[in-house]
Each structure stands twice: as C-alpha cells, then as structure tokens.
Amino acid sequence: QVQLVESGGGLVQAGGSLRLSCAASGQTFSTYVMRWFRQAPGKEREFVAAIMWSGGITNYADSVKGRFTISRDNAKNTVYLQMNSLKPEDTAVYYCNLMGAWGQGTQVTVSS
C-alpha cells in the first residue's frame, strides 16, 4: 500500500517561493506518474503538475507553467514542487497523488 507524506507548505508573500515535498513509501514506483493537485476553499481539486517516475517527463497546468517546477529524487522516493513567483490565487491545500493514493495535504497561503 502506497503512503504519501507532503511537507513544505506555509505562508509567503506574493512573488515569493516555496518548495513542497512528497515522500512516497510502500511500493516500487519506477513505472508510475506522481501528480500534484491543489484545492482552494470552495473550489474543486485541480491538477497542478505531473512527473513520470522513470524518465522524468513532466506536465503542467497552464496556470503554473513557467513558475512551478516538478522534480524527483528516485533514491529518496521523493517528488518536489518548486513554486516561484507565487500569487494569491495559488493559495490552496496541495496534495500529491500516486497510484490512487493521496497524501494528507499541505497548506500554501500567499498574501497580497
């Protein structure tokens, strides 16, 4: 059973940066895709970014292209989301997703 633990959220001013981490355990992940989603208050959960565990191919939502970067450390079974030039509309709980499992989420708040 896959277990995911996110960390790295916090409060930051607009224009600032944060790096989120998602540590995975419980299984071999070499052929799967890790995804980040986010959910703002009163809104549906939305896709943010994805990375193939093997090969590192990435994909981003249009709203974060050029500002967010997803990466992985296979040795640590960890995926990162580097978030730069943050905007107030990036405020949300961020979740990682792998093989149908979800982490507990980490809050990101961007003040204007």
PDB file of N, CA and C in Angstrom:
ATOM      1  N   GLN A   1       0.838  -1.193   0.000  1.00  0.00           N
ATOM      2  CA  GLN A   1       0.000   0.000   0.000  1.00  0.00           C
ATOM      3  C   GLN A   1       0.875   1.245   0.000  1.00  0.00           C
ATOM      4  N   VAL A   2       0.568   2.156  -0.911  1.00  0.00           N
ATOM      5  CA  VAL A   2       1.351   3.379  -1.040  1.00  0.00           C
ATOM      6  C   VAL A   2       0.982   4.360   0.060  1.00  0.00           C
ATOM      7  N   GLN A   3       1.991   4.972   0.635  1.00  0.00           N
ATOM      8  CA  GLN A   3       1.781   6.041   1.608  1.00  0.00           C
ATOM      9  C   GLN A   3       2.525   7.283   1.136  1.00  0.00           C
ATOM     10  N   LEU A   4       1.861   8.429   1.238  1.00  0.00           N
ATOM     11  CA  LEU A   4       2.422   9.695   0.777  1.00  0.00           C
ATOM     12  C   LEU A   4       2.373  10.716   1.894  1.00  0.00           C
ATOM     13  N   VAL A   5       3.470  11.447   2.067  1.00  0.00           N
ATOM     14  CA  VAL A   5       3.535  12.468   3.099  1.00  0.00           C
ATOM     15  C   VAL A   5       4.067  13.755   2.470  1.00  0.00           C
ATOM     16  N   GLU A   6       3.221  14.788   2.469  1.00  0.00           N
ATOM     17  CA  GLU A   6       3.628  16.090   1.936  1.00  0.00           C
ATOM     18  C   GLU A   6       4.198  16.958   3.052  1.00  0.00           C
ATOM     19  N   SER A   7       5.055  17.878   2.655  1.00  0.00           N
ATOM     20  CA  SER A   7       5.583  18.865   3.583  1.00  0.00           C
ATOM     21  C   SER A   7       6.043  20.085   2.789  1.00  0.00           C
ATOM     22  N   GLY A   8       6.321  21.180   3.516  1.00  0.00           N
ATOM     23  CA  GLY A   8       6.901  22.353   2.880  1.00  0.00           C
ATOM     24  C   GLY A   8       5.957  23.519   2.677  1.00  0.00           C
ATOM     25  N   GLY A   9       4.699  23.345   3.020  1.00  0.00           N
ATOM     26  CA  GLY A   9       3.774  24.454   2.858  1.00  0.00           C
ATOM     27  C   GLY A   9       4.027  25.559   3.877  1.00  0.00           C
ATOM     28  N   GLY A  10       3.322  26.672   3.713  1.00  0.00           N
ATOM     29  CA  GLY A  10       3.475  27.777   4.639  1.00  0.00           C
ATOM     30  C   GLY A  10       2.855  29.047   4.112  1.00  0.00           C
ATOM     31  N   LEU A  11       3.187  30.136   4.783  1.00  0.00           N
ATOM     32  CA  LEU A  11       2.692  31.464   4.412  1.00  0.00           C
ATOM     33  C   LEU A  11       3.822  32.238   3.748  1.00  0.00           C
ATOM     34  N   VAL A  12       3.531  32.812   2.599  1.00  0.00           N
ATOM     35  CA  VAL A  12       4.547  33.561   1.863  1.00  0.00           C
ATOM     36  C   VAL A  12       3.895  34.760   1.193  1.00  0.00           C
ATOM     37  N   GLN A  13       4.655  35.810   0.998  1.00  0.00           N
ATOM     38  CA  GLN A  13       4.128  36.980   0.298  1.00  0.00           C
ATOM     39  C   GLN A  13       4.104  36.735  -1.209  1.00  0.00           C
ATOM     40  N   ALA A  14       3.243  37.441  -1.879  1.00  0.00           N
ATOM     41  CA  ALA A  14       3.185  37.357  -3.334  1.00  0.00           C
ATOM     42  C   ALA A  14       4.561  37.643  -3.929  1.00  0.00           C
ATOM     43  N   GLY A  15       4.933  36.839  -4.909  1.00  0.00           N
ATOM     44  CA  GLY A  15       6.248  36.951  -5.515  1.00  0.00           C
ATOM     45  C   GLY A  15       7.290  36.052  -4.884  1.00  0.00           C
ATOM     46  N   GLY A  16       6.954  35.463  -3.760  1.00  0.00           N
ATOM     47  CA  GLY A  16       7.883  34.600  -3.050  1.00  0.00           C
ATOM     48  C   GLY A  16       7.893  33.182  -3.589  1.00  0.00           C
ATOM     49  N   SER A  17       8.635  32.313  -2.896  1.00  0.00           N
ATOM     50  CA  SER A  17       8.821  30.930  -3.322  1.00  0.00           C
ATOM     51  C   SER A  17       8.624  29.966  -2.165  1.00  0.00           C
ATOM     52  N   LEU A  18       8.218  28.776  -2.512  1.00  0.00           N
ATOM     53  CA  LEU A  18       8.137  27.658  -1.575  1.00  0.00           C
ATOM     54  C   LEU A  18       8.511  26.393  -2.332  1.00  0.00           C
ATOM     55  N   ARG A  19       9.020  25.396  -1.600  1.00  0.00           N
ATOM     56  CA  ARG A  19       9.259  24.094  -2.194  1.00  0.00           C
ATOM     57  C   ARG A  19       8.511  23.043  -1.382  1.00  0.00           C
ATOM     58  N   LEU A  20       7.617  22.351  -2.059  1.00  0.00           N
ATOM     59  CA  LEU A  20       6.871  21.267  -1.438  1.00  0.00           C
ATOM     60  C   LEU A  20       7.577  19.940  -1.700  1.00  0.00           C
ATOM     61  N   SER A  21       7.445  19.032  -0.755  1.00  0.00           N
ATOM     62  CA  SER A  21       7.993  17.689  -0.901  1.00  0.00           C
ATOM     63  C   SER A  21       6.890  16.669  -0.704  1.00  0.00           C
ATOM     64  N   CYS A  22       7.015  15.547  -1.400  1.00  0.00           N
ATOM     65  CA  CYS A  22       6.105  14.426  -1.223  1.00  0.00           C
ATOM     66  C   CYS A  22       6.940  13.156  -1.157  1.00  0.00           C
ATOM     67  N   ALA A  23       6.995  12.572   0.024  1.00  0.00           N
ATOM     68  CA  ALA A  23       7.747  11.349   0.230  1.00  0.00           C
ATOM     69  C   ALA A  23       6.828  10.146   0.100  1.00  0.00           C
ATOM     70  N   ALA A  24       7.228   9.199  -0.740  1.00  0.00           N
ATOM     71  CA  ALA A  24       6.413   8.017  -1.003  1.00  0.00           C
ATOM     72  C   ALA A  24       7.056   6.778  -0.396  1.00  0.00           C
ATOM     73  N   SER A  25       6.224   5.871   0.073  1.00  0.00           N
ATOM     74  CA  SER A  25       6.734   4.619   0.630  1.00  0.00           C
ATOM     75  C   SER A  25       5.723   3.512   0.390  1.00  0.00           C
ATOM     76  N   GLY A  26       6.182   2.287   0.526  1.00  0.00           N
ATOM     77  CA  GLY A  26       5.276   1.170   0.497  1.00  0.00           C
ATOM     78  C   GLY A  26       5.327   0.301  -0.737  1.00  0.00           C
ATOM     79  N   GLN A  27       5.985   0.799  -1.799  1.00  0.00           N
ATOM     80  CA  GLN A  27       5.975   0.021  -3.033  1.00  0.00           C
ATOM     81  C   GLN A  27       7.067   0.547  -3.963  1.00  0.00           C
ATOM     82  N   THR A  28       7.337  -0.196  -5.031  1.00  0.00           N
ATOM     83  CA  THR A  28       8.257   0.271  -6.061  1.00  0.00           C
ATOM     84  C   THR A  28       7.494   1.134  -7.046  1.00  0.00           C
ATOM     85  N   PHE A  29       8.044   2.317  -7.364  1.00  0.00           N
ATOM     86  CA  PHE A  29       7.288   3.282  -8.140  1.00  0.00           C
ATOM     87  C   PHE A  29       7.868   3.561  -9.518  1.00  0.00           C
ATOM     88  N   SER A  30       8.789   2.776  -9.966  1.00  0.00           N
ATOM     89  CA  SER A  30       9.590   3.162 -11.129  1.00  0.00           C
ATOM     90  C   SER A  30       8.779   3.351 -12.399  1.00  0.00           C
ATOM     91  N   THR A  31       7.574   2.797 -12.479  1.00  0.00           N
ATOM     92  CA  THR A  31       6.822   2.900 -13.726  1.00  0.00           C
ATOM     93  C   THR A  31       5.601   3.795 -13.607  1.00  0.00           C
ATOM     94  N   TYR A  32       5.511   4.585 -12.567  1.00  0.00           N
ATOM     95  CA  TYR A  32       4.297   5.347 -12.346  1.00  0.00           C
ATOM     96  C   TYR A  32       4.504   6.851 -12.467  1.00  0.00           C
ATOM     97  N   VAL A  33       3.387   7.559 -12.382  1.00  0.00           N
ATOM     98  CA  VAL A  33       3.376   9.005 -12.505  1.00  0.00           C
ATOM     99  C   VAL A  33       2.950   9.607 -11.177  1.00  0.00           C
ATOM    100  N   MET A  34       3.739  10.558 -10.689  1.00  0.00           N
ATOM    101  CA  MET A  34       3.366  11.297  -9.491  1.00  0.00           C
ATOM    102  C   MET A  34       2.742  12.626  -9.922  1.00  0.00           C
ATOM    103  N   ARG A  35       1.648  12.987  -9.292  1.00  0.00           N
ATOM    104  CA  ARG A  35       0.951  14.218  -9.625  1.00  0.00           C
ATOM    105  C   ARG A  35       0.760  15.090  -8.391  1.00  0.00           C
ATOM    106  N   TRP A  36       0.781  16.378  -8.613  1.00  0.00           N
ATOM    107  CA  TRP A  36       0.384  17.353  -7.604  1.00  0.00           C
ATOM    108  C   TRP A  36      -0.961  17.942  -8.017  1.00  0.00           C
ATOM    109  N   PHE A  37      -1.845  18.057  -7.033  1.00  0.00           N
ATOM    110  CA  PHE A  37      -3.124  18.727  -7.199  1.00  0.00           C
ATOM    111  C   PHE A  37      -3.225  19.800  -6.118  1.00  0.00           C
ATOM    112  N   ARG A  38      -4.188  20.680  -6.278  1.00  0.00           N
ATOM    113  CA  ARG A  38      -4.464  21.656  -5.224  1.00  0.00           C
ATOM    114  C   ARG A  38      -5.955  21.906  -5.148  1.00  0.00           C
ATOM    115  N   GLN A  39      -6.377  22.330  -3.967  1.00  0.00           N
ATOM    116  CA  GLN A  39      -7.788  22.630  -3.758  1.00  0.00           C
ATOM    117  C   GLN A  39      -7.908  23.891  -2.919  1.00  0.00           C
ATOM    118  N   ALA A  40      -8.485  24.916  -3.531  1.00  0.00           N
ATOM    119  CA  ALA A  40      -8.734  26.173  -2.833  1.00  0.00           C
ATOM    120  C   ALA A  40     -10.099  26.109  -2.169  1.00  0.00           C
ATOM    121  N   PRO A  41     -10.335  26.932  -1.152  1.00  0.00           N
ATOM    122  CA  PRO A  41     -11.626  26.917  -0.464  1.00  0.00           C
ATOM    123  C   PRO A  41     -12.783  27.151  -1.434  1.00  0.00           C
ATOM    124  N   GLY A  42     -13.775  26.287  -1.374  1.00  0.00           N
ATOM    125  CA  GLY A  42     -14.948  26.437  -2.207  1.00  0.00           C
ATOM    126  C   GLY A  42     -14.767  26.025  -3.649  1.00  0.00           C
ATOM    127  N   LYS A  43     -13.607  25.474  -3.976  1.00  0.00           N
ATOM    128  CA  LYS A  43     -13.343  25.067  -5.358  1.00  0.00           C
ATOM    129  C   LYS A  43     -13.022  23.588  -5.433  1.00  0.00           C
ATOM    130  N   GLU A  44     -13.120  23.055  -6.654  1.00  0.00           N
ATOM    131  CA  GLU A  44     -12.789  21.658  -6.856  1.00  0.00           C
ATOM    132  C   GLU A  44     -11.263  21.464  -6.884  1.00  0.00           C
ATOM    133  N   ARG A  45     -10.862  20.249  -6.574  1.00  0.00           N
ATOM    134  CA  ARG A  45      -9.441  19.928  -6.655  1.00  0.00           C
ATOM    135  C   ARG A  45      -9.004  19.986  -8.119  1.00  0.00           C
ATOM    136  N   GLU A  46      -7.853  20.602  -8.363  1.00  0.00           N
ATOM    137  CA  GLU A  46      -7.384  20.767  -9.733  1.00  0.00           C
ATOM    138  C   GLU A  46      -5.958  20.273  -9.890  1.00  0.00           C
ATOM    139  N   PHE A  47      -5.653  19.820 -11.089  1.00  0.00           N
ATOM    140  CA  PHE A  47      -4.329  19.333 -11.429  1.00  0.00           C
ATOM    141  C   PHE A  47      -3.338  20.492 -11.478  1.00  0.00           C
ATOM    142  N   VAL A  48      -2.122  20.227 -10.977  1.00  0.00           N
ATOM    143  CA  VAL A  48      -1.071  21.239 -10.996  1.00  0.00           C
ATOM    144  C   VAL A  48       0.100  20.797 -11.868  1.00  0.00           C
ATOM    145  N   ALA A  49       0.645  19.609 -11.568  1.00  0.00           N
ATOM    146  CA  ALA A  49       1.834  19.156 -12.291  1.00  0.00           C
ATOM    147  C   ALA A  49       1.970  17.649 -12.134  1.00  0.00           C
ATOM    148  N   ALA A  50       2.731  17.052 -13.055  1.00  0.00           N
ATOM    149  CA  ALA A  50       2.961  15.606 -13.015  1.00  0.00           C
ATOM    150  C   ALA A  50       4.362  15.301 -13.509  1.00  0.00           C
ATOM    151  N   ILE A  51       4.897  14.182 -13.031  1.00  0.00           N
ATOM    152  CA  ILE A  51       6.204  13.724 -13.485  1.00  0.00           C
ATOM    153  C   ILE A  51       6.215  12.211 -13.534  1.00  0.00           C
ATOM    154  N   MET A  52       6.786  11.671 -14.613  1.00  0.00           N
ATOM    155  CA  MET A  52       6.949  10.232 -14.696  1.00  0.00           C
ATOM    156  C   MET A  52       8.133   9.841 -13.826  1.00  0.00           C
ATOM    157  N   TRP A  53       7.905   8.813 -12.994  1.00  0.00           N
ATOM    158  CA  TRP A  53       8.965   8.429 -12.073  1.00  0.00           C
ATOM    159  C   TRP A  53      10.198   7.968 -12.835  1.00  0.00           C
ATOM    160  N   SER A  54       9.977   7.306 -13.955  1.00  0.00           N
ATOM    161  CA  SER A  54      11.095   6.861 -14.781  1.00  0.00           C
ATOM    162  C   SER A  54      11.165   7.740 -16.018  1.00  0.00           C
ATOM    163  N   GLY A  55      12.264   8.393 -16.241  1.00  0.00           N
ATOM    164  CA  GLY A  55      12.412   9.239 -17.417  1.00  0.00           C
ATOM    165  C   GLY A  55      12.193  10.703 -17.164  1.00  0.00           C
ATOM    166  N   GLY A  56      11.398  11.021 -16.150  1.00  0.00           N
ATOM    167  CA  GLY A  56      11.267  12.403 -15.735  1.00  0.00           C
ATOM    168  C   GLY A  56      10.456  13.313 -16.624  1.00  0.00           C
ATOM    169  N   ILE A  57       9.649  12.758 -17.527  1.00  0.00           N
ATOM    170  CA  ILE A  57       8.800  13.616 -18.366  1.00  0.00           C
ATOM    171  C   ILE A  57       7.802  14.350 -17.480  1.00  0.00           C
ATOM    172  N   THR A  58       7.624  15.639 -17.741  1.00  0.00           N
ATOM    173  CA  THR A  58       6.771  16.467 -16.891  1.00  0.00           C
ATOM    174  C   THR A  58       5.612  17.081 -17.667  1.00  0.00           C
ATOM    175  N   ASN A  59       4.610  17.501 -16.920  1.00  0.00           N
ATOM    176  CA  ASN A  59       3.439  18.157 -17.488  1.00  0.00           C
ATOM    177  C   ASN A  59       2.909  19.142 -16.457  1.00  0.00           C
ATOM    178  N   TYR A  60       2.416  20.291 -16.926  1.00  0.00           N
ATOM    179  CA  TYR A  60       1.965  21.341 -16.016  1.00  0.00           C
ATOM    180  C   TYR A  60       0.625  21.908 -16.446  1.00  0.00           C
ATOM    181  N   ALA A  61      -0.125  22.361 -15.460  1.00  0.00           N
ATOM    182  CA  ALA A  61      -1.314  23.151 -15.754  1.00  0.00           C
ATOM    183  C   ALA A  61      -0.876  24.502 -16.320  1.00  0.00           C
ATOM    184  N   ASP A  62      -1.682  25.049 -17.209  1.00  0.00           N
ATOM    185  CA  ASP A  62      -1.328  26.329 -17.827  1.00  0.00           C
ATOM    186  C   ASP A  62      -1.124  27.424 -16.786  1.00  0.00           C
ATOM    187  N   SER A  63      -1.865  27.356 -15.704  1.00  0.00           N
ATOM    188  CA  SER A  63      -1.821  28.410 -14.691  1.00  0.00           C
ATOM    189  C   SER A  63      -0.496  28.471 -13.943  1.00  0.00           C
ATOM    190  N   VAL A  64       0.307  27.402 -14.017  1.00  0.00           N
ATOM    191  CA  VAL A  64       1.570  27.382 -13.266  1.00  0.00           C
ATOM    192  C   VAL A  64       2.793  27.252 -14.159  1.00  0.00           C
ATOM    193  N   LYS A  65       2.591  27.084 -15.462  1.00  0.00           N
ATOM    194  CA  LYS A  65       3.727  26.944 -16.380  1.00  0.00           C
ATOM    195  C   LYS A  65       4.646  28.138 -16.285  1.00  0.00           C
ATOM    196  N   GLY A  66       5.947  27.863 -16.222  1.00  0.00           N
ATOM    197  CA  GLY A  66       6.934  28.921 -16.140  1.00  0.00           C
ATOM    198  C   GLY A  66       7.204  29.392 -14.723  1.00  0.00           C
ATOM    199  N   ARG A  67       6.357  28.994 -13.772  1.00  0.00           N
ATOM    200  CA  ARG A  67       6.542  29.395 -12.372  1.00  0.00           C
ATOM    201  C   ARG A  67       6.840  28.208 -11.456  1.00  0.00           C
ATOM    202  N   PHE A  68       6.242  27.072 -11.742  1.00  0.00           N
ATOM    203  CA  PHE A  68       6.411  25.875 -10.916  1.00  0.00           C
ATOM    204  C   PHE A  68       7.272  24.864 -11.657  1.00  0.00           C
ATOM    205  N   THR A  69       8.057  24.114 -10.887  1.00  0.00           N
ATOM    206  CA  THR A  69       8.877  23.045 -11.453  1.00  0.00           C
ATOM    207  C   THR A  69       8.735  21.805 -10.602  1.00  0.00           C
ATOM    208  N   ILE A  70       8.384  20.700 -11.249  1.00  0.00           N
ATOM    209  CA  ILE A  70       8.277  19.423 -10.551  1.00  0.00           C
ATOM    210  C   ILE A  70       9.536  18.617 -10.839  1.00  0.00           C
ATOM    211  N   SER A  71      10.039  17.944  -9.816  1.00  0.00           N
ATOM    212  CA  SER A  71      11.245  17.128  -9.977  1.00  0.00           C
ATOM    213  C   SER A  71      11.167  15.947  -9.025  1.00  0.00           C
ATOM    214  N   ARG A  72      12.093  15.002  -9.178  1.00  0.00           N
ATOM    215  CA  ARG A  72      12.059  13.822  -8.323  1.00  0.00           C
ATOM    216  C   ARG A  72      13.465  13.421  -7.923  1.00  0.00           C
ATOM    217  N   ASP A  73      13.533  12.738  -6.802  1.00  0.00           N
ATOM    218  CA  ASP A  73      14.771  12.127  -6.339  1.00  0.00           C
ATOM    219  C   ASP A  73      14.443  10.645  -6.144  1.00  0.00           C
ATOM    220  N   ASN A  74      14.826   9.843  -7.120  1.00  0.00           N
ATOM    221  CA  ASN A  74      14.457   8.423  -7.075  1.00  0.00           C
ATOM    222  C   ASN A  74      15.056   7.727  -5.860  1.00  0.00           C
ATOM    223  N   ALA A  75      16.248   8.102  -5.482  1.00  0.00           N
ATOM    224  CA  ALA A  75      16.898   7.446  -4.345  1.00  0.00           C
ATOM    225  C   ALA A  75      16.136   7.678  -3.047  1.00  0.00           C
ATOM    226  N   LYS A  76      15.468   8.832  -2.959  1.00  0.00           N
ATOM    227  CA  LYS A  76      14.721   9.165  -1.747  1.00  0.00           C
ATOM    228  C   LYS A  76      13.225   8.908  -1.894  1.00  0.00           C
ATOM    229  N   ASN A  77      12.807   8.417  -3.065  1.00  0.00           N
ATOM    230  CA  ASN A  77      11.367   8.223  -3.324  1.00  0.00           C
ATOM    231  C   ASN A  77      10.580   9.495  -3.007  1.00  0.00           C
ATOM    232  N   THR A  78      11.120  10.607  -3.425  1.00  0.00           N
ATOM    233  CA  THR A  78      10.520  11.904  -3.107  1.00  0.00           C
ATOM    234  C   THR A  78      10.361  12.743  -4.365  1.00  0.00           C
ATOM    235  N   VAL A  79       9.226  13.410  -4.448  1.00  0.00           N
ATOM    236  CA  VAL A  79       8.955  14.340  -5.537  1.00  0.00           C
ATOM    237  C   VAL A  79       8.821  15.734  -4.941  1.00  0.00           C
ATOM    238  N   TYR A  80       9.323  16.714  -5.669  1.00  0.00           N
ATOM    239  CA  TYR A  80       9.316  18.096  -5.203  1.00  0.00           C
ATOM    240  C   TYR A  80       8.491  18.972  -6.137  1.00  0.00           C
ATOM    241  N   LEU A  81       7.951  20.035  -5.579  1.00  0.00           N
ATOM    242  CA  LEU A  81       7.288  21.049  -6.391  1.00  0.00           C
ATOM    243  C   LEU A  81       7.873  22.396  -5.979  1.00  0.00           C
ATOM    244  N   GLN A  82       8.747  22.919  -6.815  1.00  0.00           N
ATOM    245  CA  GLN A  82       9.327  24.240  -6.574  1.00  0.00           C
ATOM    246  C   GLN A  82       8.377  25.280  -7.131  1.00  0.00           C
ATOM    247  N   MET A  83       7.925  26.168  -6.278  1.00  0.00           N
ATOM    248  CA  MET A  83       6.931  27.164  -6.668  1.00  0.00           C
ATOM    249  C   MET A  83       7.547  28.553  -6.535  1.00  0.00           C
ATOM    250  N   ASN A  84       7.700  29.232  -7.652  1.00  0.00           N
ATOM    251  CA  ASN A  84       8.260  30.582  -7.681  1.00  0.00           C
ATOM    252  C   ASN A  84       7.206  31.580  -8.145  1.00  0.00           C
ATOM    253  N   SER A  85       7.482  32.849  -7.915  1.00  0.00           N
ATOM    254  CA  SER A  85       6.564  33.924  -8.342  1.00  0.00           C
ATOM    255  C   SER A  85       5.137  33.625  -7.905  1.00  0.00           C
ATOM    256  N   LEU A  86       4.993  33.258  -6.657  1.00  0.00           N
ATOM    257  CA  LEU A  86       3.676  32.863  -6.154  1.00  0.00           C
ATOM    258  C   LEU A  86       2.699  34.020  -6.180  1.00  0.00           C
ATOM    259  N   LYS A  87       1.438  33.675  -6.417  1.00  0.00           N
ATOM    260  CA  LYS A  87       0.356  34.641  -6.492  1.00  0.00           C
ATOM    261  C   LYS A  87      -0.698  34.296  -5.448  1.00  0.00           C
ATOM    262  N   PRO A  88      -1.499  35.260  -5.029  1.00  0.00           N
ATOM    263  CA  PRO A  88      -2.563  34.949  -4.067  1.00  0.00           C
ATOM    264  C   PRO A  88      -3.494  33.837  -4.555  1.00  0.00           C
ATOM    265  N   GLU A  89      -3.688  33.744  -5.860  1.00  0.00           N
ATOM    266  CA  GLU A  89      -4.571  32.696  -6.384  1.00  0.00           C
ATOM    267  C   GLU A  89      -3.938  31.305  -6.320  1.00  0.00           C
ATOM    268  N   ASP A  90      -2.687  31.212  -5.924  1.00  0.00           N
ATOM    269  CA  ASP A  90      -2.066  29.906  -5.698  1.00  0.00           C
ATOM    270  C   ASP A  90      -2.395  29.360  -4.306  1.00  0.00           C
ATOM    271  N   THR A  91      -3.042  30.156  -3.487  1.00  0.00           N
ATOM    272  CA  THR A  91      -3.426  29.717  -2.148  1.00  0.00           C
ATOM    273  C   THR A  91      -4.348  28.515  -2.225  1.00  0.00           C
ATOM    274  N   ALA A  92      -3.961  27.431  -1.555  1.00  0.00           N
ATOM    275  CA  ALA A  92      -4.726  26.188  -1.607  1.00  0.00           C
ATOM    276  C   ALA A  92      -4.050  25.157  -0.709  1.00  0.00           C
ATOM    277  N   VAL A  93      -4.744  24.057  -0.513  1.00  0.00           N
ATOM    278  CA  VAL A  93      -4.105  22.874   0.057  1.00  0.00           C
ATOM    279  C   VAL A  93      -3.560  22.057  -1.117  1.00  0.00           C
ATOM    280  N   TYR A  94      -2.307  21.712  -1.041  1.00  0.00           N
ATOM    281  CA  TYR A  94      -1.643  20.975  -2.110  1.00  0.00           C
ATOM    282  C   TYR A  94      -1.509  19.511  -1.710  1.00  0.00           C
ATOM    283  N   TYR A  95      -1.872  18.637  -2.651  1.00  0.00           N
ATOM    284  CA  TYR A  95      -1.861  17.198  -2.415  1.00  0.00           C
ATOM    285  C   TYR A  95      -1.007  16.514  -3.474  1.00  0.00           C
ATOM    286  N   CYS A  96      -0.294  15.462  -3.075  1.00  0.00           N
ATOM    287  CA  CYS A  96       0.331  14.620  -4.073  1.00  0.00           C
ATOM    288  C   CYS A  96      -0.489  13.343  -4.236  1.00  0.00           C
ATOM    289  N   ASN A  97      -0.361  12.768  -5.414  1.00  0.00           N
ATOM    290  CA  ASN A  97      -1.176  11.618  -5.785  1.00  0.00           C
ATOM    291  C   ASN A  97      -0.321  10.621  -6.545  1.00  0.00           C
ATOM    292  N   LEU A  98      -0.413   9.347  -6.145  1.00  0.00           N
ATOM    293  CA  LEU A  98       0.352   8.296  -6.797  1.00  0.00           C
ATOM    294  C   LEU A  98      -0.416   6.997  -6.681  1.00  0.00           C
ATOM    295  N   MET A  99      -0.683   6.379  -7.819  1.00  0.00           N
ATOM    296  CA  MET A  99      -1.342   5.070  -7.845  1.00  0.00           C
ATOM    297  C   MET A  99      -2.652   5.093  -7.067  1.00  0.00           C
ATOM    298  N   GLY A 100      -3.385   6.175  -7.144  1.00  0.00           N
ATOM    299  CA  GLY A 100      -4.672   6.277  -6.488  1.00  0.00           C
ATOM    300  C   GLY A 100      -4.612   6.686  -5.032  1.00  0.00           C
ATOM    301  N   ALA A 101      -3.416   6.780  -4.483  1.00  0.00           N
ATOM    302  CA  ALA A 101      -3.279   7.202  -3.084  1.00  0.00           C
ATOM    303  C   ALA A 101      -3.056   8.702  -3.006  1.00  0.00           C
ATOM    304  N   TRP A 102      -3.521   9.291  -1.906  1.00  0.00           N
ATOM    305  CA  TRP A 102      -3.382  10.731  -1.676  1.00  0.00           C
ATOM    306  C   TRP A 102      -2.650  10.967  -0.363  1.00  0.00           C
ATOM    307  N   GLY A 103      -1.864  12.039  -0.342  1.00  0.00           N
ATOM    308  CA  GLY A 103      -1.296  12.471   0.910  1.00  0.00           C
ATOM    309  C   GLY A 103      -2.309  13.252   1.720  1.00  0.00           C
ATOM    310  N   GLN A 104      -1.881  13.737   2.879  1.00  0.00           N
ATOM    311  CA  GLN A 104      -2.785  14.459   3.778  1.00  0.00           C
ATOM    312  C   GLN A 104      -2.943  15.920   3.369  1.00  0.00           C
ATOM    313  N   GLY A 105      -2.069  16.396   2.503  1.00  0.00           N
ATOM    314  CA  GLY A 105      -2.130  17.776   2.038  1.00  0.00           C
ATOM    315  C   GLY A 105      -1.262  18.709   2.869  1.00  0.00           C
ATOM    316  N   THR A 106      -0.819  19.769   2.234  1.00  0.00           N
ATOM    317  CA  THR A 106      -0.049  20.810   2.921  1.00  0.00           C
ATOM    318  C   THR A 106      -0.571  22.172   2.463  1.00  0.00           C
ATOM    319  N   GLN A 107      -0.801  23.048   3.427  1.00  0.00           N
ATOM    320  CA  GLN A 107      -1.415  24.343   3.139  1.00  0.00           C
ATOM    321  C   GLN A 107      -0.387  25.335   2.604  1.00  0.00           C
ATOM    322  N   VAL A 108      -0.738  25.978   1.507  1.00  0.00           N
ATOM    323  CA  VAL A 108       0.053  27.075   0.961  1.00  0.00           C
ATOM    324  C   VAL A 108      -0.819  28.319   0.962  1.00  0.00           C
ATOM    325  N   THR A 109      -0.336  29.367   1.611  1.00  0.00           N
ATOM    326  CA  THR A 109      -1.071  30.628   1.664  1.00  0.00           C
ATOM    327  C   THR A 109      -0.177  31.742   1.139  1.00  0.00           C
ATOM    328  N   VAL A 110      -0.660  32.450   0.129  1.00  0.00           N
ATOM    329  CA  VAL A 110       0.096  33.537  -0.480  1.00  0.00           C
ATOM    330  C   VAL A 110      -0.637  34.840  -0.196  1.00  0.00           C
ATOM    331  N   SER A 111       0.016  35.732   0.531  1.00  0.00           N
ATOM    332  CA  SER A 111      -0.596  37.008   0.879  1.00  0.00           C
ATOM    333  C   SER A 111      -0.269  38.070  -0.166  1.00  0.00           C
ATOM    334  N   SER A 112      -1.198  38.981  -0.353  1.00  0.00           N
ATOM    335  CA  SER A 112      -1.000  40.038  -1.363  1.00  0.00           C
ATOM    336  C   SER A 112      -0.306  41.251  -0.774  1.00  0.00           C
TER     337      SER A 112
END
